[in-house]
Protein backbone atom coordinates (compact mmCIF):
# COMPACT_ATOMS: atom_id res chain seq x y z
CA MET A 1 -13.96 0.37 -1.28
CA TYR A 2 -13.27 1.84 -4.72
CA ASN A 3 -14.44 5.27 -3.58
CA ILE A 4 -11.88 5.19 -0.73
CA LEU A 5 -9.08 4.33 -3.18
CA GLY A 6 -10.32 7.00 -5.60
CA ASP A 7 -10.29 9.64 -2.87
CA LEU A 8 -6.78 8.55 -1.81
CA ASN A 9 -5.57 8.80 -5.41
CA LYS A 10 -6.60 12.47 -5.55
CA THR A 11 -3.61 13.23 -3.31
CA SER A 12 -0.85 14.97 -5.25
CA GLY A 13 1.86 12.55 -6.33
CA ILE A 14 -0.10 9.32 -5.85
CA GLN A 15 -0.20 7.22 -9.02
CA GLY A 16 -2.53 4.57 -7.69
CA SER A 17 -3.58 2.43 -4.78
CA MET A 18 -4.92 -1.02 -4.12
CA LEU A 19 -6.07 -3.33 -1.37
CA VAL A 20 -4.62 -6.81 -1.65
CA GLY A 21 -4.88 -9.91 0.51
CA GLY A 22 -1.84 -11.48 2.13
CA ASP A 23 -1.99 -14.14 -0.59
CA GLY A 24 -1.66 -11.54 -3.36
CA ILE A 25 -5.32 -11.69 -4.42
CA ILE A 26 -6.59 -8.24 -5.33
CA ILE A 27 -9.53 -7.04 -3.23
CA ALA A 28 -9.84 -3.65 -4.96
CA ALA A 29 -7.53 -1.64 -7.20
CA ASP A 30 -7.39 1.84 -8.68
CA LEU A 31 -3.94 2.02 -10.27
CA ASP A 32 -2.56 4.14 -13.08
CA GLU A 33 -3.02 2.30 -16.39
CA ARG A 34 0.78 1.97 -16.72
CA LEU A 35 0.88 -0.23 -13.60
CA GLU A 36 -0.20 -3.87 -13.74
CA ASP A 37 -2.62 -4.71 -10.92
CA GLU A 38 -1.51 -8.33 -10.60
CA THR A 39 2.18 -7.43 -10.52
CA VAL A 40 1.77 -4.77 -7.85
CA GLY A 41 -0.47 -7.05 -5.78
CA ALA A 42 1.93 -9.98 -5.94
CA LEU A 43 4.88 -7.72 -5.15
CA ALA A 44 3.11 -6.17 -2.15
CA ALA A 45 2.13 -9.54 -0.68
CA SER A 46 5.60 -10.99 -1.24
CA ILE A 47 7.40 -8.04 0.35
CA VAL A 48 5.13 -7.98 3.41
CA SER A 49 5.44 -11.76 3.85
CA ASN A 50 9.23 -11.68 3.64
CA VAL A 51 9.56 -8.72 6.01
CA ASN A 52 7.21 -10.40 8.51
CA LYS A 53 9.30 -13.60 8.41
CA ALA A 54 12.48 -11.60 8.98
CA MET A 55 10.92 -9.74 11.91
CA GLU A 56 9.83 -13.05 13.47
CA ARG A 57 13.43 -14.30 13.26
CA LEU A 58 14.52 -11.14 15.06
CA LYS A 59 11.77 -11.71 17.65
CA GLN A 60 10.11 -8.42 16.71
CA HIS A 61 6.51 -7.53 15.97
CA ASN A 62 5.31 -7.31 12.38
CA PRO A 63 5.52 -3.75 11.03
CA ASP A 64 2.38 -1.69 10.43
CA ARG A 65 3.93 -0.08 7.36
CA ILE A 66 6.78 -0.58 4.93
CA THR A 67 8.06 2.11 2.58
CA ILE A 68 10.19 1.35 -0.46
CA GLU A 69 12.01 4.21 -2.15
CA ALA A 70 13.41 3.83 -5.66
CA GLY A 71 14.50 6.17 -8.42
CA GLU A 72 11.18 5.88 -10.26
CA GLY A 73 8.96 6.34 -7.20
CA LYS A 74 7.89 5.05 -3.82
CA ILE A 75 5.64 2.22 -2.68
CA PHE A 76 3.88 2.44 0.66
CA LEU A 77 2.62 -0.86 2.10
CA ASN A 78 0.32 -0.63 5.11
CA ASP A 79 -1.68 -3.08 7.20
CA ALA A 80 -5.32 -2.17 6.60
CA GLY A 81 -6.85 -4.93 8.71
CA VAL A 82 -8.62 -6.73 5.85
CA GLY A 83 -5.50 -6.69 3.69
CA ILE A 84 -2.51 -4.69 2.58
CA LEU A 85 -3.06 -1.15 1.34
CA ALA A 86 -0.43 -0.55 -1.36
CA VAL A 87 0.10 3.01 -2.60
CA VAL A 88 2.39 3.83 -5.54
CA THR A 89 3.72 7.39 -5.80
CA GLU A 90 6.00 9.62 -7.80
CA PRO A 91 9.59 9.92 -6.51
CA GLU A 92 9.31 13.48 -5.16
CA VAL A 93 6.04 13.08 -3.28
CA ASN A 94 5.29 14.79 0.04
CA VAL A 95 5.77 11.74 2.27
CA GLY A 96 4.05 13.29 5.29
CA MET A 97 0.94 14.15 3.29
CA VAL A 98 0.81 10.68 1.73
CA ARG A 99 1.13 8.99 5.13
CA LEU A 100 -1.65 11.17 6.55
CA GLU A 101 -3.96 10.34 3.65
CA ILE A 102 -3.10 6.64 3.96
CA LYS A 103 -3.96 6.78 7.67
CA ASN A 104 -7.32 8.37 6.84
CA ALA A 105 -8.02 5.78 4.13
CA ILE A 106 -7.22 2.90 6.51
CA SER A 107 -9.62 4.37 9.11
CA ARG A 108 -12.33 4.44 6.44
CA ILE A 109 -11.55 0.87 5.31
CA LYS A 110 -11.69 -0.44 8.87
CA GLY A 111 -14.96 1.43 9.43
CA GLN A 112 -16.76 -0.38 6.62
């Protein structure tokens, strides 16, 4: 698992990635030392849970991915089957490239 995250983190602009359970428990993490694993994991699980509840109220399916854009960077949250793949990036990242690499990482995670 850590090798998949390490390979993902080689993508230009990615500051770190992690796989976290829906309950916020970290499965695997390879984040920049400036980012707190527990904080990012709890945030990812909370956001996905709240968005899923909102989508249920709207009678919609749960999303496969959620992207948050802020002045300091972006956070990509993706359903990876066994958990949530959270990827933290710089603000001016190539979004298309990051999404492609996330898709490849999720395929590898699901293949294990």
